[in-house]
Structure formats: structure tokens, C-alpha cells
Amino acid sequence: MASVNWVNPLYQFDQEAFRAIHVGLHRDWLDPIMAAITDTGRGEVKFTLLAALCLVARYRPYALMALVAGAGSGLIGQVVKTFVERDRPSNFSWAEPLRSYIEIMSGQHAPIASNSFPSGHAVSSFGIAVAVAWAVRKTEHAWVGWALVLWASLVAFSRVYV
């Protein structure tokens, strides 16, 4: 009895979905927007903003919780990367990775790691978004949680686009 090879169709779907977004949706005018969105998911950007929010007493509990959630989920994501040896899609022969807005402005290029799943930008952004959304879910500020989930979704999408 032949075994079912479910990995190959999953890998094929993964490549096709990546290509549909990275190549199919590519527009020159959208490049700087997506590069800027992806940069909001960078650790130094998120954690600098959260550290600044810690200085404001009324935001401190939420900012501290978001810092812990972002750092914790980012750490878990890095551990998962060591077990899921998925090559970076930007290394496909047809991929044309964009430089991020921060790289463009600074003139420096970020190193490209070999494993890319899950995206550290996306994992830590969702960690922050879900933690805050949960904390404010029954308050008049519940919209902030939804806005952060939307932001994290945009960061994840922009990672594929960029």
C-alpha cells in the first residue's frame, strides 16, 4: 500500500501562494508602503515604542504585558525555526526581495537568515496584538485590540510581499 505524500502538495501550495502575493500583487507604488509596514514588525521598532509607552503610567501595564508577549512569542518563533527547516522563499530563483524602508534610509542591508518559518516579524506582532486584544476585550478600548490584530495581519502579509 503506497503512503500518501501530503508534504509535496503542501509545499506546492506554499510556493504558489507566495508567488501569487510576491509576484502577482507586485506594484511599484506599493513597494514603499509594504516595506514600511514590514518595518513596523521589526523588534527594535516595536520594542522601542512599547518601552516608551511604559513611561506613561496609564499604559504601563498594557505595554509591559505586550513586551513580554512579543518577546516570548518571538523567542518561541526562533525555536520553531530550528525545527522547521523551511528555506526563505525570497531565495527562490524567481523571487525579487525588496529592501525594507529602514534599509533604504540607512543604506544598510539586513542579513538574510536561511530558515524563515515562522516569520519573527509576524509571530511577535501577533503575540503583542493578541495579548493586548485579550486585555482590552471587555473595555471601551476593545477597538485597540482589533486594530492591533489588523496591524499584525498586515505585517504578516507584507513579509510575503516584501
C-alpha atoms as a PDB file:
ATOM      1  CA  MET A   1       0.000   0.000   0.000  1.00  0.00           C
ATOM      2  CA  ALA A   2       1.511   3.320  -1.057  1.00  0.00           C
ATOM      3  CA  SER A   3       1.810   6.048   1.544  1.00  0.00           C
ATOM      4  CA  VAL A   4       0.150   9.397   0.933  1.00  0.00           C
ATOM      5  CA  ASN A   5       2.694  12.160   0.391  1.00  0.00           C
ATOM      6  CA  TRP A   6       0.911  15.207   1.817  1.00  0.00           C
ATOM      7  CA  VAL A   7       4.083  17.278   2.117  1.00  0.00           C
ATOM      8  CA  ASN A   8       4.601  17.802  -1.623  1.00  0.00           C
ATOM      9  CA  PRO A   9       1.118  19.293  -2.276  1.00  0.00           C
ATOM     10  CA  LEU A  10       1.516  21.492   0.818  1.00  0.00           C
ATOM     11  CA  TYR A  11       4.918  22.699  -0.386  1.00  0.00           C
ATOM     12  CA  GLN A  12       3.482  23.302  -3.855  1.00  0.00           C
ATOM     13  CA  PHE A  13       0.595  25.324  -2.391  1.00  0.00           C
ATOM     14  CA  ASP A  14       3.075  27.279  -0.260  1.00  0.00           C
ATOM     15  CA  GLN A  15       5.164  28.198  -3.311  1.00  0.00           C
ATOM     16  CA  GLU A  16       2.111  29.107  -5.399  1.00  0.00           C
ATOM     17  CA  ALA A  17       0.620  31.282  -2.648  1.00  0.00           C
ATOM     18  CA  PHE A  18       3.957  33.023  -2.122  1.00  0.00           C
ATOM     19  CA  ARG A  19       4.354  33.636  -5.844  1.00  0.00           C
ATOM     20  CA  ALA A  20       0.771  34.932  -6.170  1.00  0.00           C
ATOM     21  CA  ILE A  21       1.419  37.570  -3.499  1.00  0.00           C
ATOM     22  CA  HIS A  22       5.108  38.329  -4.095  1.00  0.00           C
ATOM     23  CA  VAL A  23       4.934  38.458  -7.894  1.00  0.00           C
ATOM     24  CA  GLY A  24       1.242  38.611  -8.781  1.00  0.00           C
ATOM     25  CA  LEU A  25       0.343  41.515  -6.487  1.00  0.00           C
ATOM     26  CA  HIS A  26       3.598  43.420  -7.007  1.00  0.00           C
ATOM     27  CA  ARG A  27       3.105  47.078  -7.876  1.00  0.00           C
ATOM     28  CA  ASP A  28       5.906  49.642  -7.867  1.00  0.00           C
ATOM     29  CA  TRP A  29       3.774  52.158  -5.983  1.00  0.00           C
ATOM     30  CA  LEU A  30       3.013  49.557  -3.288  1.00  0.00           C
ATOM     31  CA  ASP A  31       6.669  48.673  -2.604  1.00  0.00           C
ATOM     32  CA  PRO A  32       7.463  51.542  -0.197  1.00  0.00           C
ATOM     33  CA  ILE A  33       4.155  51.049   1.624  1.00  0.00           C
ATOM     34  CA  MET A  34       4.762  47.328   2.146  1.00  0.00           C
ATOM     35  CA  ALA A  35       8.406  47.966   3.118  1.00  0.00           C
ATOM     36  CA  ALA A  36       7.243  50.488   5.736  1.00  0.00           C
ATOM     37  CA  ILE A  37       4.571  48.103   7.085  1.00  0.00           C
ATOM     38  CA  THR A  38       7.073  45.252   7.310  1.00  0.00           C
ATOM     39  CA  ASP A  39       9.447  47.514   9.241  1.00  0.00           C
ATOM     40  CA  THR A  40       6.804  48.175  11.902  1.00  0.00           C
ATOM     41  CA  GLY A  41       7.171  44.467  12.687  1.00  0.00           C
ATOM     42  CA  ARG A  42      10.902  44.760  13.385  1.00  0.00           C
ATOM     43  CA  GLY A  43      11.821  44.104  17.003  1.00  0.00           C
ATOM     44  CA  GLU A  44      13.665  47.373  17.521  1.00  0.00           C
ATOM     45  CA  VAL A  45      10.674  49.357  16.264  1.00  0.00           C
ATOM     46  CA  LYS A  46       8.041  47.536  18.330  1.00  0.00           C
ATOM     47  CA  PHE A  47      10.061  47.306  21.497  1.00  0.00           C
ATOM     48  CA  THR A  48      11.215  50.937  21.380  1.00  0.00           C
ATOM     49  CA  LEU A  49       7.580  52.052  21.097  1.00  0.00           C
ATOM     50  CA  LEU A  50       6.487  49.721  23.896  1.00  0.00           C
ATOM     51  CA  ALA A  51       9.366  50.853  26.135  1.00  0.00           C
ATOM     52  CA  ALA A  52       8.270  54.461  25.570  1.00  0.00           C
ATOM     53  CA  LEU A  53       4.676  53.522  26.455  1.00  0.00           C
ATOM     54  CA  CYS A  54       5.983  52.005  29.705  1.00  0.00           C
ATOM     55  CA  LEU A  55       6.940  55.532  30.755  1.00  0.00           C
ATOM     56  CA  VAL A  56       3.257  56.572  30.748  1.00  0.00           C
ATOM     57  CA  ALA A  57       1.641  55.252  33.930  1.00  0.00           C
ATOM     58  CA  ARG A  58      -1.806  54.552  32.452  1.00  0.00           C
ATOM     59  CA  TYR A  59      -0.326  52.491  29.574  1.00  0.00           C
ATOM     60  CA  ARG A  60       2.403  50.767  31.590  1.00  0.00           C
ATOM     61  CA  PRO A  61       0.501  47.541  32.472  1.00  0.00           C
ATOM     62  CA  TYR A  62      -0.523  47.019  28.836  1.00  0.00           C
ATOM     63  CA  ALA A  63       2.897  47.937  27.471  1.00  0.00           C
ATOM     64  CA  LEU A  64       4.675  45.581  29.880  1.00  0.00           C
ATOM     65  CA  MET A  65       2.283  42.765  29.013  1.00  0.00           C
ATOM     66  CA  ALA A  66       2.811  43.452  25.299  1.00  0.00           C
ATOM     67  CA  LEU A  67       6.599  43.482  25.779  1.00  0.00           C
ATOM     68  CA  VAL A  68       6.508  40.096  27.489  1.00  0.00           C
ATOM     69  CA  ALA A  69       4.088  38.657  24.906  1.00  0.00           C
ATOM     70  CA  GLY A  70       6.110  39.997  21.986  1.00  0.00           C
ATOM     71  CA  ALA A  71       9.438  38.803  23.359  1.00  0.00           C
ATOM     72  CA  GLY A  72       8.032  35.440  24.426  1.00  0.00           C
ATOM     73  CA  SER A  73       6.319  34.733  21.124  1.00  0.00           C
ATOM     74  CA  GLY A  74       9.402  35.914  19.234  1.00  0.00           C
ATOM     75  CA  LEU A  75      11.568  33.527  21.242  1.00  0.00           C
ATOM     76  CA  ILE A  76       9.167  30.638  20.586  1.00  0.00           C
ATOM     77  CA  GLY A  77       9.225  31.524  16.888  1.00  0.00           C
ATOM     78  CA  GLN A  78      13.031  31.320  16.849  1.00  0.00           C
ATOM     79  CA  VAL A  79      12.910  27.892  18.491  1.00  0.00           C
ATOM     80  CA  VAL A  80      10.344  26.685  15.941  1.00  0.00           C
ATOM     81  CA  LYS A  81      12.630  27.894  13.119  1.00  0.00           C
ATOM     82  CA  THR A  82      15.317  25.479  14.274  1.00  0.00           C
ATOM     83  CA  PHE A  83      12.914  22.547  13.868  1.00  0.00           C
ATOM     84  CA  VAL A  84      11.094  23.674  10.721  1.00  0.00           C
ATOM     85  CA  GLU A  85      13.833  23.851   8.154  1.00  0.00           C
ATOM     86  CA  ARG A  86      11.908  25.851   5.581  1.00  0.00           C
ATOM     87  CA  ASP A  87      14.083  27.806   3.197  1.00  0.00           C
ATOM     88  CA  ARG A  88      13.445  31.504   2.863  1.00  0.00           C
ATOM     89  CA  PRO A  89      11.029  31.990  -0.060  1.00  0.00           C
ATOM     90  CA  SER A  90      12.995  35.042  -1.161  1.00  0.00           C
ATOM     91  CA  ASN A  91      15.742  32.595  -2.199  1.00  0.00           C
ATOM     92  CA  PHE A  92      13.548  31.149  -4.969  1.00  0.00           C
ATOM     93  CA  SER A  93      15.109  31.890  -8.353  1.00  0.00           C
ATOM     94  CA  TRP A  94      12.097  33.978  -9.446  1.00  0.00           C
ATOM     95  CA  ALA A  95      11.772  35.961  -6.195  1.00  0.00           C
ATOM     96  CA  GLU A  96      12.887  39.577  -6.050  1.00  0.00           C
ATOM     97  CA  PRO A  97      13.028  40.587  -2.380  1.00  0.00           C
ATOM     98  CA  LEU A  98      12.626  44.270  -1.626  1.00  0.00           C
ATOM     99  CA  ARG A  99      14.810  46.131   0.774  1.00  0.00           C
ATOM    100  CA  SER A 100      12.975  47.411   3.789  1.00  0.00           C
ATOM    101  CA  TYR A 101      12.317  51.095   4.318  1.00  0.00           C
ATOM    102  CA  ILE A 102      14.799  51.164   7.208  1.00  0.00           C
ATOM    103  CA  GLU A 103      17.482  49.594   4.988  1.00  0.00           C
ATOM    104  CA  ILE A 104      16.773  52.117   2.239  1.00  0.00           C
ATOM    105  CA  MET A 105      17.008  55.055   4.665  1.00  0.00           C
ATOM    106  CA  SER A 106      20.116  53.789   6.474  1.00  0.00           C
ATOM    107  CA  GLY A 107      21.923  52.402   3.433  1.00  0.00           C
ATOM    108  CA  GLN A 108      22.494  49.124   5.327  1.00  0.00           C
ATOM    109  CA  HIS A 109      21.247  45.667   4.376  1.00  0.00           C
ATOM    110  CA  ALA A 110      19.864  43.254   6.934  1.00  0.00           C
ATOM    111  CA  PRO A 111      21.427  39.784   6.882  1.00  0.00           C
ATOM    112  CA  ILE A 112      19.230  37.099   5.333  1.00  0.00           C
ATOM    113  CA  ALA A 113      18.888  34.027   7.516  1.00  0.00           C
ATOM    114  CA  SER A 114      18.364  30.641   5.920  1.00  0.00           C
ATOM    115  CA  ASN A 115      15.242  29.464   7.777  1.00  0.00           C
ATOM    116  CA  SER A 116      12.198  31.673   7.580  1.00  0.00           C
ATOM    117  CA  PHE A 117       9.221  29.928   9.142  1.00  0.00           C
ATOM    118  CA  PRO A 118       7.675  31.344  11.143  1.00  0.00           C
ATOM    119  CA  SER A 119       8.399  34.993  10.425  1.00  0.00           C
ATOM    120  CA  GLY A 120       9.792  36.648  13.539  1.00  0.00           C
ATOM    121  CA  HIS A 121       8.154  39.926  12.495  1.00  0.00           C
ATOM    122  CA  ALA A 122       4.746  38.236  12.216  1.00  0.00           C
ATOM    123  CA  VAL A 123       4.973  35.983  15.287  1.00  0.00           C
ATOM    124  CA  SER A 124       5.968  38.728  17.712  1.00  0.00           C
ATOM    125  CA  SER A 125       3.469  41.179  16.170  1.00  0.00           C
ATOM    126  CA  PHE A 126       0.646  38.679  16.686  1.00  0.00           C
ATOM    127  CA  GLY A 127       1.910  37.966  20.215  1.00  0.00           C
ATOM    128  CA  ILE A 128       1.596  41.655  21.039  1.00  0.00           C
ATOM    129  CA  ALA A 129      -1.733  42.050  19.231  1.00  0.00           C
ATOM    130  CA  VAL A 130      -3.419  39.042  20.825  1.00  0.00           C
ATOM    131  CA  ALA A 131      -2.181  39.906  24.330  1.00  0.00           C
ATOM    132  CA  VAL A 132      -3.472  43.473  24.104  1.00  0.00           C
ATOM    133  CA  ALA A 133      -6.708  42.386  22.402  1.00  0.00           C
ATOM    134  CA  TRP A 134      -7.346  39.925  25.214  1.00  0.00           C
ATOM    135  CA  ALA A 135      -6.572  42.528  27.895  1.00  0.00           C
ATOM    136  CA  VAL A 136      -8.918  45.186  26.486  1.00  0.00           C
ATOM    137  CA  ARG A 137     -11.627  42.868  25.108  1.00  0.00           C
ATOM    138  CA  LYS A 138     -14.320  43.929  27.616  1.00  0.00           C
ATOM    139  CA  THR A 139     -13.490  47.603  27.762  1.00  0.00           C
ATOM    140  CA  GLU A 140     -14.371  50.634  25.690  1.00  0.00           C
ATOM    141  CA  HIS A 141     -10.885  50.262  24.190  1.00  0.00           C
ATOM    142  CA  ALA A 142     -11.595  46.867  22.596  1.00  0.00           C
ATOM    143  CA  TRP A 143     -11.157  48.524  19.204  1.00  0.00           C
ATOM    144  CA  VAL A 144      -7.436  48.887  20.007  1.00  0.00           C
ATOM    145  CA  GLY A 145      -7.148  45.098  20.125  1.00  0.00           C
ATOM    146  CA  TRP A 146      -8.880  44.729  16.767  1.00  0.00           C
ATOM    147  CA  ALA A 147      -6.661  47.449  15.284  1.00  0.00           C
ATOM    148  CA  LEU A 148      -3.555  45.624  16.523  1.00  0.00           C
ATOM    149  CA  VAL A 149      -4.769  42.312  15.061  1.00  0.00           C
ATOM    150  CA  LEU A 150      -5.286  44.100  11.730  1.00  0.00           C
ATOM    151  CA  TRP A 151      -1.772  45.598  12.017  1.00  0.00           C
ATOM    152  CA  ALA A 152      -0.249  42.167  12.773  1.00  0.00           C
ATOM    153  CA  SER A 153      -2.092  40.711   9.767  1.00  0.00           C
ATOM    154  CA  LEU A 154      -0.696  43.475   7.564  1.00  0.00           C
ATOM    155  CA  VAL A 155       2.817  42.817   8.900  1.00  0.00           C
ATOM    156  CA  ALA A 156       2.463  39.097   8.092  1.00  0.00           C
ATOM    157  CA  PHE A 157       1.134  39.851   4.603  1.00  0.00           C
ATOM    158  CA  SER A 158       3.870  42.418   3.983  1.00  0.00           C
ATOM    159  CA  ARG A 159       6.541  39.846   4.876  1.00  0.00           C
ATOM    160  CA  VAL A 160       5.393  37.720   1.932  1.00  0.00           C
ATOM    161  CA  TYR A 161       5.042  40.734  -0.360  1.00  0.00           C
ATOM    162  CA  VAL A 162       8.489  42.103   0.546  1.00  0.00           C
END
